[in-house]
Amino acid sequence: MSADAPRRTLDGLEVPEGWLALDIGPRTALRYAEVIQRAGTVFWNGPTGVFELVPFANGTTRVAEACATTAATTVAGGGETVAALRTCGSPNRSTTSQRAAGRRSS
């Protein structure tokens, strides 16, 4: 797994043999963002892709941006989710964020 790995967007859930699903697609990211914008409360537990590698961070970035701009109460759980918010979104926007082992980070 590397940032220069071949990529392709699939239409559906079937991942071809020999490939890995490393991010959600642009249509799924848009749908998630639309739902987040309409929500009253958002619980987010985990990035949607391998956000540490830029080519696979698009879905996580879109969800983080949606969480940062929604009027909803947002709760981000897990160390990877908090790291994703710091990397891709706005860590200060979440109403509550939790790290692993129940340690509150903000």
N, C-alpha and C. Protein backbone atom coordinates (compact mmCIF):
# COMPACT_ATOMS: atom_id res chain seq x y z
N MET A 1 0.85 -1.16 0.00
CA MET A 1 0.00 0.00 0.00
C MET A 1 0.91 1.23 0.00
N SER A 2 0.72 2.07 -1.01
CA SER A 2 1.51 3.30 -1.10
C SER A 2 0.71 4.36 -1.83
N ALA A 3 1.16 5.60 -1.71
CA ALA A 3 0.46 6.72 -2.33
C ALA A 3 0.49 6.64 -3.85
N ASP A 4 1.45 5.92 -4.41
CA ASP A 4 1.52 5.82 -5.87
C ASP A 4 0.90 4.51 -6.40
N ALA A 5 0.14 3.83 -5.56
CA ALA A 5 -0.54 2.59 -5.99
C ALA A 5 -1.58 2.93 -7.06
N PRO A 6 -1.81 2.02 -7.99
CA PRO A 6 -2.86 2.27 -8.99
C PRO A 6 -4.21 2.48 -8.30
N ARG A 7 -5.02 3.38 -8.86
CA ARG A 7 -6.34 3.66 -8.29
C ARG A 7 -7.38 3.57 -9.37
N ARG A 8 -8.59 3.25 -8.95
CA ARG A 8 -9.74 3.33 -9.84
C ARG A 8 -10.99 3.42 -9.00
N THR A 9 -11.97 4.13 -9.53
CA THR A 9 -13.26 4.28 -8.85
C THR A 9 -14.20 3.21 -9.37
N LEU A 10 -14.83 2.51 -8.46
CA LEU A 10 -15.74 1.44 -8.82
C LEU A 10 -17.18 1.90 -8.67
N ASP A 11 -18.05 1.34 -9.47
CA ASP A 11 -19.47 1.63 -9.36
C ASP A 11 -20.14 0.43 -8.72
N GLY A 12 -20.19 0.44 -7.40
CA GLY A 12 -20.77 -0.69 -6.68
C GLY A 12 -19.87 -1.11 -5.54
N LEU A 13 -20.20 -2.26 -4.98
CA LEU A 13 -19.48 -2.74 -3.80
C LEU A 13 -18.47 -3.83 -4.09
N GLU A 14 -18.48 -4.36 -5.28
CA GLU A 14 -17.58 -5.47 -5.61
C GLU A 14 -16.18 -4.96 -5.88
N VAL A 15 -15.21 -5.41 -5.07
CA VAL A 15 -13.81 -5.04 -5.27
C VAL A 15 -13.14 -6.20 -6.00
N PRO A 16 -12.57 -5.92 -7.17
CA PRO A 16 -11.95 -7.00 -7.95
C PRO A 16 -10.83 -7.70 -7.19
N GLU A 17 -10.64 -8.94 -7.51
CA GLU A 17 -9.57 -9.72 -6.89
C GLU A 17 -8.23 -9.02 -7.14
N GLY A 18 -7.42 -8.97 -6.10
CA GLY A 18 -6.10 -8.34 -6.19
C GLY A 18 -6.10 -6.85 -5.89
N TRP A 19 -7.28 -6.27 -5.71
CA TRP A 19 -7.39 -4.84 -5.39
C TRP A 19 -7.81 -4.67 -3.93
N LEU A 20 -7.59 -3.49 -3.37
CA LEU A 20 -8.03 -3.15 -2.02
C LEU A 20 -8.94 -1.93 -2.09
N ALA A 21 -9.95 -1.90 -1.28
CA ALA A 21 -10.81 -0.72 -1.16
C ALA A 21 -10.16 0.19 -0.12
N LEU A 22 -9.52 1.27 -0.57
CA LEU A 22 -8.77 2.14 0.34
C LEU A 22 -9.44 3.48 0.60
N ASP A 23 -10.60 3.72 -0.02
CA ASP A 23 -11.35 4.96 0.20
C ASP A 23 -12.76 4.74 -0.33
N ILE A 24 -13.68 5.59 0.13
CA ILE A 24 -15.01 5.58 -0.47
C ILE A 24 -14.94 6.42 -1.74
N GLY A 25 -15.87 6.21 -2.63
CA GLY A 25 -15.89 6.94 -3.88
C GLY A 25 -16.49 8.33 -3.73
N PRO A 26 -16.36 9.16 -4.76
CA PRO A 26 -16.86 10.53 -4.68
C PRO A 26 -18.37 10.62 -4.52
N ARG A 27 -19.12 9.73 -5.12
CA ARG A 27 -20.59 9.78 -4.95
C ARG A 27 -20.99 9.41 -3.53
N THR A 28 -20.32 8.42 -2.96
CA THR A 28 -20.61 8.03 -1.57
C THR A 28 -20.23 9.16 -0.62
N ALA A 29 -19.08 9.78 -0.84
CA ALA A 29 -18.65 10.90 0.01
C ALA A 29 -19.67 12.04 -0.05
N LEU A 30 -20.17 12.33 -1.24
CA LEU A 30 -21.17 13.38 -1.39
C LEU A 30 -22.45 13.01 -0.64
N ARG A 31 -22.89 11.77 -0.76
CA ARG A 31 -24.10 11.33 -0.05
C ARG A 31 -23.92 11.45 1.46
N TYR A 32 -22.78 11.01 1.96
CA TYR A 32 -22.51 11.12 3.39
C TYR A 32 -22.56 12.57 3.83
N ALA A 33 -21.92 13.45 3.06
CA ALA A 33 -21.89 14.88 3.41
C ALA A 33 -23.29 15.47 3.42
N GLU A 34 -24.12 15.08 2.47
CA GLU A 34 -25.50 15.57 2.43
C GLU A 34 -26.28 15.13 3.67
N VAL A 35 -26.12 13.88 4.07
CA VAL A 35 -26.81 13.37 5.26
C VAL A 35 -26.30 14.10 6.51
N ILE A 36 -25.00 14.31 6.60
CA ILE A 36 -24.42 15.00 7.74
C ILE A 36 -24.98 16.41 7.85
N GLN A 37 -25.12 17.09 6.73
CA GLN A 37 -25.64 18.47 6.74
C GLN A 37 -27.08 18.54 7.24
N ARG A 38 -27.86 17.50 7.03
CA ARG A 38 -29.27 17.48 7.45
C ARG A 38 -29.46 16.93 8.86
N ALA A 39 -28.42 16.34 9.42
CA ALA A 39 -28.54 15.64 10.71
C ALA A 39 -28.64 16.61 11.88
N GLY A 40 -29.24 16.12 12.94
CA GLY A 40 -29.27 16.86 14.20
C GLY A 40 -28.09 16.50 15.08
N THR A 41 -27.66 15.25 14.98
CA THR A 41 -26.51 14.74 15.73
C THR A 41 -25.73 13.79 14.82
N VAL A 42 -24.42 13.87 14.87
CA VAL A 42 -23.55 13.01 14.07
C VAL A 42 -22.59 12.28 15.01
N PHE A 43 -22.54 10.97 14.92
CA PHE A 43 -21.53 10.16 15.60
C PHE A 43 -20.61 9.62 14.53
N TRP A 44 -19.33 9.96 14.61
CA TRP A 44 -18.36 9.50 13.60
C TRP A 44 -17.29 8.68 14.29
N ASN A 45 -17.17 7.43 13.88
CA ASN A 45 -16.20 6.53 14.48
C ASN A 45 -15.36 5.88 13.39
N GLY A 46 -14.35 6.57 12.95
CA GLY A 46 -13.41 5.98 12.01
C GLY A 46 -13.38 6.66 10.66
N PRO A 47 -12.18 6.83 10.11
CA PRO A 47 -12.02 7.40 8.78
C PRO A 47 -12.67 6.50 7.73
N THR A 48 -12.98 7.07 6.57
CA THR A 48 -13.60 6.29 5.50
C THR A 48 -12.58 5.70 4.56
N GLY A 49 -11.32 6.03 4.74
CA GLY A 49 -10.26 5.51 3.87
C GLY A 49 -8.92 5.61 4.57
N VAL A 50 -7.88 5.32 3.82
CA VAL A 50 -6.51 5.41 4.34
C VAL A 50 -6.07 6.87 4.17
N PHE A 51 -6.57 7.73 5.06
CA PHE A 51 -6.39 9.18 4.92
C PHE A 51 -4.94 9.60 5.05
N GLU A 52 -4.10 8.75 5.62
CA GLU A 52 -2.68 9.09 5.75
C GLU A 52 -1.98 9.16 4.40
N LEU A 53 -2.56 8.52 3.39
CA LEU A 53 -2.03 8.57 2.03
C LEU A 53 -2.93 9.50 1.21
N VAL A 54 -2.39 10.60 0.75
CA VAL A 54 -3.18 11.66 0.10
C VAL A 54 -4.13 11.14 -0.98
N PRO A 55 -3.73 10.24 -1.86
CA PRO A 55 -4.68 9.80 -2.90
C PRO A 55 -5.91 9.06 -2.35
N PHE A 56 -5.83 8.62 -1.10
CA PHE A 56 -6.93 7.86 -0.50
C PHE A 56 -7.59 8.61 0.65
N ALA A 57 -7.39 9.91 0.71
CA ALA A 57 -7.93 10.73 1.80
C ALA A 57 -9.19 11.48 1.40
N ASN A 58 -9.63 11.41 0.16
CA ASN A 58 -10.74 12.23 -0.31
C ASN A 58 -12.03 11.99 0.46
N GLY A 59 -12.40 10.75 0.69
CA GLY A 59 -13.64 10.46 1.41
C GLY A 59 -13.60 10.96 2.84
N THR A 60 -12.49 10.69 3.53
CA THR A 60 -12.35 11.14 4.91
C THR A 60 -12.35 12.67 4.97
N THR A 61 -11.69 13.31 4.02
CA THR A 61 -11.65 14.77 3.99
C THR A 61 -13.06 15.34 3.81
N ARG A 62 -13.83 14.75 2.91
CA ARG A 62 -15.19 15.24 2.65
C ARG A 62 -16.07 15.08 3.89
N VAL A 63 -15.96 13.95 4.57
CA VAL A 63 -16.75 13.72 5.79
C VAL A 63 -16.29 14.67 6.90
N ALA A 64 -14.98 14.86 7.04
CA ALA A 64 -14.46 15.78 8.06
C ALA A 64 -14.94 17.21 7.80
N GLU A 65 -14.90 17.63 6.53
CA GLU A 65 -15.38 18.97 6.18
C GLU A 65 -16.87 19.11 6.49
N ALA A 66 -17.64 18.07 6.19
CA ALA A 66 -19.08 18.10 6.48
C ALA A 66 -19.32 18.19 7.98
N CYS A 67 -18.55 17.44 8.75
CA CYS A 67 -18.70 17.51 10.21
C CYS A 67 -18.29 18.88 10.74
N ALA A 68 -17.33 19.51 10.10
CA ALA A 68 -16.85 20.81 10.54
C ALA A 68 -17.82 21.94 10.20
N THR A 69 -18.68 21.73 9.20
CA THR A 69 -19.56 22.81 8.75
C THR A 69 -21.03 22.60 9.10
N THR A 70 -21.38 21.43 9.60
CA THR A 70 -22.78 21.19 9.95
C THR A 70 -23.16 21.91 11.23
N ALA A 71 -24.43 22.23 11.34
CA ALA A 71 -24.95 22.81 12.58
C ALA A 71 -25.23 21.73 13.61
N ALA A 72 -25.12 20.47 13.21
CA ALA A 72 -25.42 19.35 14.10
C ALA A 72 -24.41 19.25 15.24
N THR A 73 -24.85 18.63 16.32
CA THR A 73 -23.93 18.23 17.37
C THR A 73 -23.13 17.07 16.81
N THR A 74 -21.80 17.14 16.89
CA THR A 74 -20.98 16.07 16.35
C THR A 74 -20.15 15.43 17.45
N VAL A 75 -20.05 14.11 17.39
CA VAL A 75 -19.25 13.34 18.32
C VAL A 75 -18.31 12.49 17.49
N ALA A 76 -17.02 12.72 17.65
CA ALA A 76 -16.01 11.94 16.93
C ALA A 76 -15.34 11.00 17.90
N GLY A 77 -15.33 9.71 17.58
CA GLY A 77 -14.79 8.72 18.49
C GLY A 77 -13.61 7.98 17.92
N GLY A 78 -12.63 7.71 18.75
CA GLY A 78 -11.48 6.91 18.35
C GLY A 78 -10.30 7.78 17.94
N GLY A 79 -9.11 7.30 18.25
CA GLY A 79 -7.90 8.04 17.96
C GLY A 79 -7.71 8.33 16.48
N GLU A 80 -8.04 7.37 15.62
CA GLU A 80 -7.90 7.59 14.18
C GLU A 80 -8.87 8.65 13.68
N THR A 81 -10.06 8.71 14.25
CA THR A 81 -11.04 9.71 13.85
C THR A 81 -10.56 11.10 14.26
N VAL A 82 -10.04 11.23 15.46
CA VAL A 82 -9.52 12.50 15.92
C VAL A 82 -8.34 12.92 15.04
N ALA A 83 -7.47 11.98 14.70
CA ALA A 83 -6.35 12.29 13.81
C ALA A 83 -6.85 12.71 12.44
N ALA A 84 -7.90 12.06 11.94
CA ALA A 84 -8.47 12.43 10.65
C ALA A 84 -9.03 13.85 10.69
N LEU A 85 -9.71 14.20 11.77
CA LEU A 85 -10.23 15.56 11.91
C LEU A 85 -9.10 16.58 11.93
N ARG A 86 -8.02 16.26 12.61
CA ARG A 86 -6.88 17.18 12.66
C ARG A 86 -6.24 17.31 11.29
N THR A 87 -6.17 16.23 10.55
CA THR A 87 -5.51 16.22 9.25
C THR A 87 -6.40 16.78 8.15
N CYS A 88 -7.67 16.40 8.17
CA CYS A 88 -8.56 16.66 7.04
C CYS A 88 -9.66 17.67 7.30
N GLY A 89 -9.91 18.00 8.53
CA GLY A 89 -11.07 18.84 8.83
C GLY A 89 -10.74 19.87 9.87
N SER A 90 -11.62 19.99 10.84
CA SER A 90 -11.47 20.98 11.90
C SER A 90 -11.66 20.29 13.24
N PRO A 91 -10.56 20.00 13.95
CA PRO A 91 -10.69 19.30 15.23
C PRO A 91 -11.43 20.10 16.28
N ASN A 92 -11.47 21.41 16.13
CA ASN A 92 -12.12 22.24 17.13
C ASN A 92 -13.62 22.32 16.95
N ARG A 93 -14.13 21.85 15.81
CA ARG A 93 -15.56 21.95 15.53
C ARG A 93 -16.36 20.87 16.22
N SER A 94 -15.81 19.68 16.40
CA SER A 94 -16.56 18.60 17.03
C SER A 94 -16.96 19.00 18.43
N THR A 95 -18.20 18.72 18.76
CA THR A 95 -18.68 19.01 20.10
C THR A 95 -17.92 18.18 21.12
N THR A 96 -17.70 16.92 20.80
CA THR A 96 -16.98 16.00 21.67
C THR A 96 -16.13 15.10 20.81
N SER A 97 -14.89 14.87 21.21
CA SER A 97 -14.08 13.87 20.53
C SER A 97 -13.41 13.01 21.59
N GLN A 98 -13.33 11.74 21.32
CA GLN A 98 -12.78 10.79 22.27
C GLN A 98 -11.64 10.02 21.63
N ARG A 99 -10.60 9.80 22.39
CA ARG A 99 -9.52 8.91 21.95
C ARG A 99 -9.80 7.52 22.49
N ALA A 100 -8.99 6.58 22.06
CA ALA A 100 -9.11 5.22 22.57
C ALA A 100 -8.92 5.22 24.08
N ALA A 101 -9.39 4.21 24.72
CA ALA A 101 -9.27 4.03 26.16
C ALA A 101 -10.04 5.08 26.94
N GLY A 102 -10.96 5.76 26.28
CA GLY A 102 -11.85 6.68 26.96
C GLY A 102 -11.23 7.99 27.41
N ARG A 103 -10.03 8.30 26.93
CA ARG A 103 -9.41 9.58 27.29
C ARG A 103 -9.96 10.68 26.39
N ARG A 104 -10.55 11.67 26.96
CA ARG A 104 -11.12 12.77 26.17
C ARG A 104 -9.99 13.66 25.68
N SER A 105 -10.04 13.99 24.37
CA SER A 105 -8.98 14.84 23.81
C SER A 105 -9.44 16.27 23.61
N SER A 106 -10.74 16.53 23.56
CA SER A 106 -11.20 17.93 23.47
C SER A 106 -12.66 18.00 23.87
